[in-house]
Amino acid sequence: MAEIEDRWRELGEFIREQRRVGQLSLRKLSEMAGISNPYLSQIERGLRKPSAEILRNIAGALSISAETLYVRAGILDERDGDHDLVADIRRDPFIDEEQKKTLVHIYLSFRTAHLAAVGVGAGLEPVAADEAARTALPALLPSADADADADLDLDPGSGPDAEGDRAPTPDAATEAADEPEAAP
């Protein structure tokens, strides 16, 4: 029984922390979620057990996923690592195809970098980890657009961040602009 009470108290603390991070007053959040101030206060103190619908409203007002609150409330089990973010991005009806490709590209480049780092930590040579990432990631790429697949640069040692190809940093550009010009 104490475990359940702890879960509701922790959920309330999480909601309060998210409200504070979002710089929302108790009154503003309750208004946005469509619930009364006293009820939200009781939820934040762990005294009330909100329904899934109320949690969804609070999550929407806090701009976080309802799933996050459902997991913290014990309504849903936490997901394992098998979540397919690329498929979720491709199914999203609110972004266009170009935006989807961009998001997938960014996500896969982060995954490649992470897999390379994990491979090195697991005793693999950096080249082996990079090769493992290269062979694993093409299966995740959209197969309908082969040109887009070819454009994705999965080599962390190339591209705009590679040595010699770096764009000047804002500080470097500012420093160059601040230097007096040499007299002719």
C-alpha atoms as a PDB file:
ATOM      1  CA  MET A   1       0.000   0.000   0.000  1.00  0.00           C
ATOM      2  CA  ALA A   2       2.847   2.387   0.829  1.00  0.00           C
ATOM      3  CA  GLU A   3       4.314   1.714  -2.628  1.00  0.00           C
ATOM      4  CA  ILE A   4       1.120   2.895  -4.317  1.00  0.00           C
ATOM      5  CA  GLU A   5       0.977   6.011  -2.148  1.00  0.00           C
ATOM      6  CA  ASP A   6       4.640   6.709  -2.959  1.00  0.00           C
ATOM      7  CA  ARG A   7       3.897   6.377  -6.668  1.00  0.00           C
ATOM      8  CA  TRP A   8       1.091   8.980  -6.497  1.00  0.00           C
ATOM      9  CA  ARG A   9       3.254  11.316  -4.391  1.00  0.00           C
ATOM     10  CA  GLU A  10       6.141  10.959  -6.870  1.00  0.00           C
ATOM     11  CA  LEU A  11       3.751  11.588  -9.766  1.00  0.00           C
ATOM     12  CA  GLY A  12       2.538  14.759  -8.048  1.00  0.00           C
ATOM     13  CA  GLU A  13       6.104  15.905  -7.432  1.00  0.00           C
ATOM     14  CA  PHE A  14       6.925  15.279 -11.090  1.00  0.00           C
ATOM     15  CA  ILE A  15       3.893  17.293 -12.238  1.00  0.00           C
ATOM     16  CA  ARG A  16       4.850  20.140  -9.868  1.00  0.00           C
ATOM     17  CA  GLU A  17       8.440  20.111 -11.148  1.00  0.00           C
ATOM     18  CA  GLN A  18       7.271  20.160 -14.786  1.00  0.00           C
ATOM     19  CA  ARG A  19       4.921  23.033 -13.963  1.00  0.00           C
ATOM     20  CA  ARG A  20       7.793  24.979 -12.435  1.00  0.00           C
ATOM     21  CA  VAL A  21      10.093  24.222 -15.362  1.00  0.00           C
ATOM     22  CA  GLY A  22       7.357  25.518 -17.656  1.00  0.00           C
ATOM     23  CA  GLN A  23       7.044  28.586 -15.430  1.00  0.00           C
ATOM     24  CA  LEU A  24       3.330  28.000 -14.924  1.00  0.00           C
ATOM     25  CA  SER A  25       1.426  28.939 -11.808  1.00  0.00           C
ATOM     26  CA  LEU A  26      -0.850  26.386 -10.212  1.00  0.00           C
ATOM     27  CA  ARG A  27      -3.806  28.499 -11.317  1.00  0.00           C
ATOM     28  CA  LYS A  28      -2.599  28.733 -14.939  1.00  0.00           C
ATOM     29  CA  LEU A  29      -1.914  25.000 -15.235  1.00  0.00           C
ATOM     30  CA  SER A  30      -5.254  24.095 -13.695  1.00  0.00           C
ATOM     31  CA  GLU A  31      -6.976  26.445 -16.139  1.00  0.00           C
ATOM     32  CA  MET A  32      -5.074  24.982 -19.101  1.00  0.00           C
ATOM     33  CA  ALA A  33      -5.843  21.408 -17.985  1.00  0.00           C
ATOM     34  CA  GLY A  34      -9.491  22.163 -17.298  1.00  0.00           C
ATOM     35  CA  ILE A  35      -9.410  21.189 -13.619  1.00  0.00           C
ATOM     36  CA  SER A  36      -9.825  23.154 -10.389  1.00  0.00           C
ATOM     37  CA  ASN A  37      -6.924  24.688  -8.469  1.00  0.00           C
ATOM     38  CA  PRO A  38      -7.610  22.639  -5.312  1.00  0.00           C
ATOM     39  CA  TYR A  39      -7.783  19.395  -7.293  1.00  0.00           C
ATOM     40  CA  LEU A  40      -4.447  20.073  -9.036  1.00  0.00           C
ATOM     41  CA  SER A  41      -2.906  21.020  -5.705  1.00  0.00           C
ATOM     42  CA  GLN A  42      -4.079  17.718  -4.227  1.00  0.00           C
ATOM     43  CA  ILE A  43      -2.660  15.815  -7.213  1.00  0.00           C
ATOM     44  CA  GLU A  44       0.696  17.560  -6.798  1.00  0.00           C
ATOM     45  CA  ARG A  45       0.747  16.616  -3.101  1.00  0.00           C
ATOM     46  CA  GLY A  46      -0.119  12.997  -3.897  1.00  0.00           C
ATOM     47  CA  LEU A  47      -3.485  13.172  -2.138  1.00  0.00           C
ATOM     48  CA  ARG A  48      -5.629  12.454  -5.202  1.00  0.00           C
ATOM     49  CA  LYS A  49      -5.424   9.769  -7.881  1.00  0.00           C
ATOM     50  CA  PRO A  50      -6.274  11.414 -11.196  1.00  0.00           C
ATOM     51  CA  SER A  51      -7.907   9.509 -14.025  1.00  0.00           C
ATOM     52  CA  ALA A  52      -6.127   8.814 -17.312  1.00  0.00           C
ATOM     53  CA  GLU A  53      -8.184  11.607 -18.886  1.00  0.00           C
ATOM     54  CA  ILE A  54      -7.083  14.148 -16.271  1.00  0.00           C
ATOM     55  CA  LEU A  55      -3.463  13.027 -16.682  1.00  0.00           C
ATOM     56  CA  ARG A  56      -3.803  13.463 -20.454  1.00  0.00           C
ATOM     57  CA  ASN A  57      -5.138  17.002 -19.940  1.00  0.00           C
ATOM     58  CA  ILE A  58      -2.307  17.860 -17.546  1.00  0.00           C
ATOM     59  CA  ALA A  59       0.270  16.397 -19.954  1.00  0.00           C
ATOM     60  CA  GLY A  60      -1.148  18.450 -22.811  1.00  0.00           C
ATOM     61  CA  ALA A  61      -1.011  21.621 -20.727  1.00  0.00           C
ATOM     62  CA  LEU A  62       2.605  20.852 -19.756  1.00  0.00           C
ATOM     63  CA  SER A  63       3.554  19.976 -23.358  1.00  0.00           C
ATOM     64  CA  ILE A  64       4.780  16.517 -22.386  1.00  0.00           C
ATOM     65  CA  SER A  65       3.522  13.143 -23.525  1.00  0.00           C
ATOM     66  CA  ALA A  66       0.575  11.622 -21.702  1.00  0.00           C
ATOM     67  CA  GLU A  67       2.511   8.354 -21.805  1.00  0.00           C
ATOM     68  CA  THR A  68       5.105   9.884 -19.476  1.00  0.00           C
ATOM     69  CA  LEU A  69       2.450  10.548 -16.843  1.00  0.00           C
ATOM     70  CA  TYR A  70       0.730   7.202 -17.430  1.00  0.00           C
ATOM     71  CA  VAL A  71       3.996   5.351 -16.801  1.00  0.00           C
ATOM     72  CA  ARG A  72       4.678   7.378 -13.658  1.00  0.00           C
ATOM     73  CA  ALA A  73       1.126   6.695 -12.440  1.00  0.00           C
ATOM     74  CA  GLY A  74       1.482   2.962 -13.109  1.00  0.00           C
ATOM     75  CA  ILE A  75      -1.249   2.952 -15.758  1.00  0.00           C
ATOM     76  CA  LEU A  76       1.239   1.874 -18.443  1.00  0.00           C
ATOM     77  CA  ASP A  77       4.412  -0.143 -18.218  1.00  0.00           C
ATOM     78  CA  GLU A  78       7.609   1.565 -19.243  1.00  0.00           C
ATOM     79  CA  ARG A  79       8.626   0.775 -22.812  1.00  0.00           C
ATOM     80  CA  ASP A  80      11.586  -1.405 -23.490  1.00  0.00           C
ATOM     81  CA  GLY A  81      14.294  -0.412 -25.983  1.00  0.00           C
ATOM     82  CA  ASP A  82      12.418  -1.791 -29.010  1.00  0.00           C
ATOM     83  CA  HIS A  83      10.625   1.463 -29.847  1.00  0.00           C
ATOM     84  CA  ASP A  84      10.833   2.366 -33.547  1.00  0.00           C
ATOM     85  CA  LEU A  85      11.219   6.138 -33.636  1.00  0.00           C
ATOM     86  CA  VAL A  86      11.878   6.200 -37.385  1.00  0.00           C
ATOM     87  CA  ALA A  87       8.517   4.530 -38.060  1.00  0.00           C
ATOM     88  CA  ASP A  88       6.811   7.008 -35.724  1.00  0.00           C
ATOM     89  CA  ILE A  89       8.387   9.933 -37.573  1.00  0.00           C
ATOM     90  CA  ARG A  90       7.256   8.529 -40.927  1.00  0.00           C
ATOM     91  CA  ARG A  91       3.670   8.092 -39.665  1.00  0.00           C
ATOM     92  CA  ASP A  92       3.389  11.619 -38.254  1.00  0.00           C
ATOM     93  CA  PRO A  93       0.639  13.415 -40.201  1.00  0.00           C
ATOM     94  CA  PHE A  94       1.678  16.871 -39.005  1.00  0.00           C
ATOM     95  CA  ILE A  95       5.015  17.145 -40.801  1.00  0.00           C
ATOM     96  CA  ASP A  96       5.767  16.973 -44.513  1.00  0.00           C
ATOM     97  CA  GLU A  97       8.030  14.448 -46.241  1.00  0.00           C
ATOM     98  CA  GLU A  98      11.044  16.761 -46.345  1.00  0.00           C
ATOM     99  CA  GLN A  99      10.762  17.392 -42.606  1.00  0.00           C
ATOM    100  CA  LYS A 100      10.446  13.651 -42.005  1.00  0.00           C
ATOM    101  CA  LYS A 101      13.613  12.960 -43.995  1.00  0.00           C
ATOM    102  CA  THR A 102      15.459  15.657 -42.076  1.00  0.00           C
ATOM    103  CA  LEU A 103      14.351  14.305 -38.693  1.00  0.00           C
ATOM    104  CA  VAL A 104      15.261  10.740 -39.664  1.00  0.00           C
ATOM    105  CA  HIS A 105      18.650  11.926 -40.913  1.00  0.00           C
ATOM    106  CA  ILE A 106      19.411  13.760 -37.670  1.00  0.00           C
ATOM    107  CA  TYR A 107      18.206  10.864 -35.521  1.00  0.00           C
ATOM    108  CA  LEU A 108      20.241   8.301 -37.451  1.00  0.00           C
ATOM    109  CA  SER A 109      23.370  10.452 -37.292  1.00  0.00           C
ATOM    110  CA  PHE A 110      23.003  10.641 -33.499  1.00  0.00           C
ATOM    111  CA  ARG A 111      22.424   6.873 -33.373  1.00  0.00           C
ATOM    112  CA  THR A 112      25.527   6.276 -35.494  1.00  0.00           C
ATOM    113  CA  ALA A 113      27.647   8.389 -33.177  1.00  0.00           C
ATOM    114  CA  HIS A 114      26.234   6.625 -30.126  1.00  0.00           C
ATOM    115  CA  LEU A 115      26.711   3.157 -31.579  1.00  0.00           C
ATOM    116  CA  ALA A 116      30.292   4.010 -32.440  1.00  0.00           C
ATOM    117  CA  ALA A 117      30.918   5.227 -28.888  1.00  0.00           C
ATOM    118  CA  VAL A 118      29.265   2.171 -27.352  1.00  0.00           C
ATOM    119  CA  GLY A 119      31.198  -0.133 -29.670  1.00  0.00           C
ATOM    120  CA  VAL A 120      34.469   1.404 -28.542  1.00  0.00           C
ATOM    121  CA  GLY A 121      33.424   1.014 -24.896  1.00  0.00           C
ATOM    122  CA  ALA A 122      32.495  -2.630 -25.500  1.00  0.00           C
ATOM    123  CA  GLY A 123      35.993  -3.459 -26.663  1.00  0.00           C
ATOM    124  CA  LEU A 124      35.408  -3.050 -30.385  1.00  0.00           C
ATOM    125  CA  GLU A 125      37.821  -0.998 -32.400  1.00  0.00           C
ATOM    126  CA  PRO A 126      36.344   2.320 -33.579  1.00  0.00           C
ATOM    127  CA  VAL A 127      36.365   1.070 -37.177  1.00  0.00           C
ATOM    128  CA  ALA A 128      34.405  -2.074 -36.192  1.00  0.00           C
ATOM    129  CA  ALA A 129      31.825  -0.017 -34.304  1.00  0.00           C
ATOM    130  CA  ASP A 130      31.480   2.388 -37.229  1.00  0.00           C
ATOM    131  CA  GLU A 131      31.093  -0.540 -39.635  1.00  0.00           C
ATOM    132  CA  ALA A 132      28.462  -2.117 -37.370  1.00  0.00           C
ATOM    133  CA  ALA A 133      26.514   1.161 -37.378  1.00  0.00           C
ATOM    134  CA  ARG A 134      26.818   1.461 -41.164  1.00  0.00           C
ATOM    135  CA  THR A 135      25.462  -2.031 -41.754  1.00  0.00           C
ATOM    136  CA  ALA A 136      22.664  -1.745 -39.189  1.00  0.00           C
ATOM    137  CA  LEU A 137      21.307   1.678 -40.143  1.00  0.00           C
ATOM    138  CA  PRO A 138      20.520   1.280 -43.860  1.00  0.00           C
ATOM    139  CA  ALA A 139      17.691  -1.078 -42.930  1.00  0.00           C
ATOM    140  CA  LEU A 140      16.094   1.833 -41.073  1.00  0.00           C
ATOM    141  CA  LEU A 141      16.329   4.242 -43.983  1.00  0.00           C
ATOM    142  CA  PRO A 142      13.422   4.885 -46.359  1.00  0.00           C
ATOM    143  CA  SER A 143      13.787   2.451 -49.241  1.00  0.00           C
ATOM    144  CA  ALA A 144      11.439   4.334 -51.559  1.00  0.00           C
ATOM    145  CA  ASP A 145      13.924   7.132 -52.136  1.00  0.00           C
ATOM    146  CA  ALA A 146      17.334   5.656 -52.991  1.00  0.00           C
ATOM    147  CA  ASP A 147      18.780   9.104 -53.731  1.00  0.00           C
ATOM    148  CA  ALA A 148      17.868  10.288 -50.239  1.00  0.00           C
ATOM    149  CA  ASP A 149      19.568   7.190 -48.806  1.00  0.00           C
ATOM    150  CA  ALA A 150      22.706   7.946 -50.768  1.00  0.00           C
ATOM    151  CA  ASP A 151      22.694  11.539 -49.489  1.00  0.00           C
ATOM    152  CA  LEU A 152      22.802  10.437 -45.848  1.00  0.00           C
ATOM    153  CA  ASP A 153      26.390  10.647 -44.706  1.00  0.00           C
ATOM    154  CA  LEU A 154      26.855   8.091 -41.958  1.00  0.00           C
ATOM    155  CA  ASP A 155      30.612   8.619 -41.766  1.00  0.00           C
ATOM    156  CA  PRO A 156      31.343  10.693 -38.661  1.00  0.00           C
ATOM    157  CA  GLY A 157      34.764  11.578 -40.128  1.00  0.00           C
ATOM    158  CA  SER A 158      33.373  13.358 -43.161  1.00  0.00           C
ATOM    159  CA  GLY A 159      30.942  16.106 -43.928  1.00  0.00           C
ATOM    160  CA  PRO A 160      30.805  19.683 -42.700  1.00  0.00           C
ATOM    161  CA  ASP A 161      32.229  18.813 -39.277  1.00  0.00           C
ATOM    162  CA  ALA A 162      35.302  17.021 -40.641  1.00  0.00           C
ATOM    163  CA  GLU A 163      38.728  18.648 -40.229  1.00  0.00           C
ATOM    164  CA  GLY A 164      39.316  21.379 -42.764  1.00  0.00           C
ATOM    165  CA  ASP A 165      35.646  21.656 -43.730  1.00  0.00           C
ATOM    166  CA  ARG A 166      34.425  23.459 -40.639  1.00  0.00           C
ATOM    167  CA  ALA A 167      32.557  26.669 -41.046  1.00  0.00           C
ATOM    168  CA  PRO A 168      33.929  29.481 -38.921  1.00  0.00           C
ATOM    169  CA  THR A 169      32.395  29.629 -35.481  1.00  0.00           C
ATOM    170  CA  PRO A 170      30.493  32.776 -34.547  1.00  0.00           C
ATOM    171  CA  ASP A 171      33.357  33.701 -32.176  1.00  0.00           C
ATOM    172  CA  ALA A 172      35.941  33.322 -34.947  1.00  0.00           C
ATOM    173  CA  ALA A 173      33.860  35.421 -37.333  1.00  0.00           C
ATOM    174  CA  THR A 174      33.421  38.101 -34.662  1.00  0.00           C
ATOM    175  CA  GLU A 175      37.128  38.113 -33.863  1.00  0.00           C
ATOM    176  CA  ALA A 176      37.981  38.478 -37.560  1.00  0.00           C
ATOM    177  CA  ALA A 177      35.546  41.382 -37.895  1.00  0.00           C
ATOM    178  CA  ASP A 178      36.974  43.081 -34.793  1.00  0.00           C
ATOM    179  CA  GLU A 179      40.572  43.009 -36.043  1.00  0.00           C
ATOM    180  CA  PRO A 180      41.711  46.269 -37.596  1.00  0.00           C
ATOM    181  CA  GLU A 181      42.415  46.100 -41.290  1.00  0.00           C
ATOM    182  CA  ALA A 182      46.046  46.371 -42.278  1.00  0.00           C
ATOM    183  CA  ALA A 183      47.007  49.665 -43.869  1.00  0.00           C
ATOM    184  CA  PRO A 184      47.800  49.370 -47.606  1.00  0.00           C
END
